[in-house]
């Protein structure tokens, strides 16, 4: 669907368009606020555990585990990682 098609479907009446835009902006702002709150919660969680765990390394491990979950051919992935680990060490 092209962007032009979406623009053609929006209301032409100014009051209707204004209402729709305001609704969108309100909802978008709410999502932005929720994201900010979640980031703050995440920071607090890291702070809470930082004296008991190497949180920086743990976060990298979580990232790697999430990537590995998405891989279809885990044996091939592991082989590639082994090759790259040896290469990076050069």
Protein backbone atom coordinates (compact mmCIF):
# COMPACT_ATOMS: atom_id res chain seq x y z
CA UNK A 1 0.00 0.00 0.00
CA UNK A 2 1.50 3.32 -1.02
CA UNK A 3 1.72 6.36 1.22
CA UNK A 4 -0.27 8.31 -1.33
CA UNK A 5 -3.12 5.82 -0.90
CA UNK A 6 -3.13 6.45 2.85
CA UNK A 7 -3.21 10.21 2.38
CA UNK A 8 -6.16 9.86 0.04
CA UNK A 9 -8.09 7.92 2.68
CA UNK A 10 -7.69 10.45 5.47
CA UNK A 11 -10.62 12.74 6.24
CA UNK A 12 -10.97 15.84 4.11
CA UNK A 13 -13.13 17.64 6.65
CA UNK A 14 -10.81 19.78 8.78
CA UNK A 15 -12.64 19.07 12.06
CA UNK A 16 -12.60 15.34 11.41
CA UNK A 17 -8.91 15.45 10.44
CA UNK A 18 -8.08 17.51 13.51
CA UNK A 19 -9.86 15.00 15.75
CA UNK A 20 -8.01 12.09 14.14
CA UNK A 21 -4.61 13.81 14.38
CA UNK A 22 -5.21 14.72 18.03
CA UNK A 23 -6.23 11.14 18.79
CA UNK A 24 -3.06 9.86 17.12
CA UNK A 25 -0.81 12.35 18.92
CA UNK A 26 -2.38 11.52 22.30
CA UNK A 27 -1.87 7.79 21.80
CA UNK A 28 1.64 8.30 20.40
CA UNK A 29 2.57 10.46 23.39
CA UNK A 30 1.23 7.81 25.76
CA UNK A 31 3.40 5.17 24.10
CA UNK A 32 6.44 7.48 24.31
CA UNK A 33 5.77 8.03 28.02
CA UNK A 34 5.43 4.29 28.63
CA UNK A 35 8.73 3.69 26.82
CA UNK A 36 10.41 6.29 29.06
CA UNK A 37 8.98 4.62 32.17
CA UNK A 38 10.16 1.20 31.00
CA UNK A 39 13.66 2.54 30.31
CA UNK A 40 13.74 3.98 33.81
CA UNK A 41 12.58 0.63 35.24
CA UNK A 42 15.30 -1.11 33.24
CA UNK A 43 17.95 1.29 34.57
CA UNK A 44 16.75 0.73 38.14
CA UNK A 45 16.88 -3.04 37.64
CA UNK A 46 20.45 -2.85 36.36
CA UNK A 47 21.42 -0.60 39.28
CA UNK A 48 19.81 -3.03 41.73
CA UNK A 49 21.87 -6.00 40.47
CA UNK A 50 25.08 -4.23 39.45
CA UNK A 51 26.77 -4.86 42.81
CA UNK A 52 26.05 -8.61 42.61
CA UNK A 53 26.41 -9.38 38.88
CA UNK A 54 28.54 -8.32 35.96
CA UNK A 55 25.44 -6.79 34.38
CA UNK A 56 27.26 -5.46 31.32
CA UNK A 57 28.44 -8.95 30.38
CA UNK A 58 25.08 -10.46 31.29
CA UNK A 59 23.31 -8.04 28.94
CA UNK A 60 25.64 -9.07 26.12
CA UNK A 61 24.94 -12.74 26.90
CA UNK A 62 21.19 -12.05 26.80
CA UNK A 63 21.64 -10.38 23.42
CA UNK A 64 23.59 -13.38 22.12
CA UNK A 65 20.99 -15.82 23.46
CA UNK A 66 18.18 -13.85 21.80
CA UNK A 67 20.04 -13.89 18.49
CA UNK A 68 20.65 -17.62 18.78
CA UNK A 69 16.93 -18.23 19.45
CA UNK A 70 16.12 -16.76 16.04
CA UNK A 71 18.60 -18.96 14.15
CA UNK A 72 17.14 -21.85 12.15
CA UNK A 73 20.39 -23.83 11.72
CA UNK A 74 21.97 -23.78 15.18
CA UNK A 75 24.82 -26.18 14.30
CA UNK A 76 25.86 -24.00 11.38
CA UNK A 77 25.52 -20.90 13.53
CA UNK A 78 27.74 -22.42 16.22
CA UNK A 79 30.31 -23.38 13.58
CA UNK A 80 30.34 -19.82 12.22
CA UNK A 81 30.72 -18.41 15.73
CA UNK A 82 33.65 -20.77 16.44
CA UNK A 83 35.34 -19.69 13.20
CA UNK A 84 34.76 -16.03 13.96
CA UNK A 85 35.93 -16.38 17.57
CA UNK A 86 39.23 -17.81 16.32
CA UNK A 87 39.52 -15.11 13.67
CA UNK A 88 38.83 -12.24 16.06
CA UNK A 89 41.56 -13.59 18.31
CA UNK A 90 44.17 -13.14 15.54
